[in-house]
């Protein structure tokens, strides 16, 4: 975030006895919080997007219990994000409150804590959480026997937190030791009555040695000034993103609100909406940096957030997308065939050829000659391509004419891409065994008789245009017949 115009004194004054005006049921719009006062939140219904992959989350530790039909972790949830202000120990208490003051507590709150994350890494934290790539470091999905759950020490019965073990009835987990600058995401979910349609309330209070030493610095309270949340990476088919000014330090003290957009994040505002409401809807695929300016009775408050949409990866058109760096069309006789892929976009991608493992590098060495396939995956979880075919012109270093339908003939793969190509095959003594056309390969026979396993030689003659001049080329090398 680049613009913050709220003074520290006003921030501390407004946040004393802080209660959230709005809950965020989605990870991508998690509400930044601090440890300087208890946080009261009201939770009801589901969010705009499913945070978790349902096929994965059923096997993700303590959240497995929360993924069953009677306790959906996508419903009646709250997401918070905090940044450690100092090195030290942090805990928190989540207290269930009655719907009506003095009434019976019906909710049973559980939680999962994720981190630490590096805010400068560019990683899509919510995708890592939702795909199970990142597991909770602290959690509880056991049945609570008090109105409290959290990490540290239960203030109601003095239960000391211990590592989560499914079925242990341990509703408090251990304190965490944090380092200044680390980012953590906290999911809080109503396990007990999350389908009854009634809003439920809880109070979140941070604890631990760091908080006891100085509750104003234990967590970085400047993160709370980023009330629009951390930058968002989204997919083009995701639901709309709702930005809210209701979590700003202004609270209800709002005179006017102005939203604006810098589409290219280049410092030039392209669109201004004024006056406007407390919420702004961002639709796919409108990437850009979004700004809000809130006029209050005491001055201006501003914030901004970068939202980037990604889609299924698409290669650049034609030869710009699949670059054959080395094969017989552009090199005399390379030891290995090399291919590079160029995606139309600036996302994070990984690549796999011929059903192999994914790699981050878009360059592949030692690619087999002939027809190959590549699959490109968006690492932000926004899609994966179907297999894309590409041709490498070259020759195999061996063949196995044993009648099993694999590698039964030897040929120059993609020879049709070469000009005036001719192939001659010899034995080790230089005897011509076969002249190949551009259609059929050699089956390892001479005059109808099978030749023994051995090395054989070939000569490939063809023409290649170099600097607008047609040049005759010859490749001489050998390959193995294996029986």
Foldseek 3Di string as FASTA:
>chain_A
DPDWDDDPVLLVVLCEQHEAPAFALEQQQAFEDAQPHKYKYKFFFFHQFDLADLVQQCPFPQCVVCVDPLRNLRFRKGKHKFFFQAWFWKKKKKFWAPLDVPDDGQFDKKKFKWDFDALPPPDQVSLCVRHSVTGGPAIDDAGAPHRIAMEAADPPPRDGADGDDPPPNRRYHYIDTDHGGTMMMMMMGGGGPRPVRRMTMIMMHMDGPLCVVPRPRRIPCVQNLQRQHAAGEAAQPGDKDKGFQCSHSCNPQFDFKKKWWDQVQPPDTDDIDPRDDRIDIHHPPRWTKMKMWTQGPVGITIHIHGYHYDAAWDFDPDCNAKPFPDAVQPDQADPKTKIFGHTPDDAQKWKDKPPDDTDRGRMDIRDDAAKIWMKMDGPSRRHIDDTDIDGGFAWDQEAELPPPPGRQFTDGHPCVVFAPKKKWKAAPVRHTADIDDPPDGHRQDHPPHHDDWDKIKMKIWTWHADPNDIDIGIDIDIHTYDD
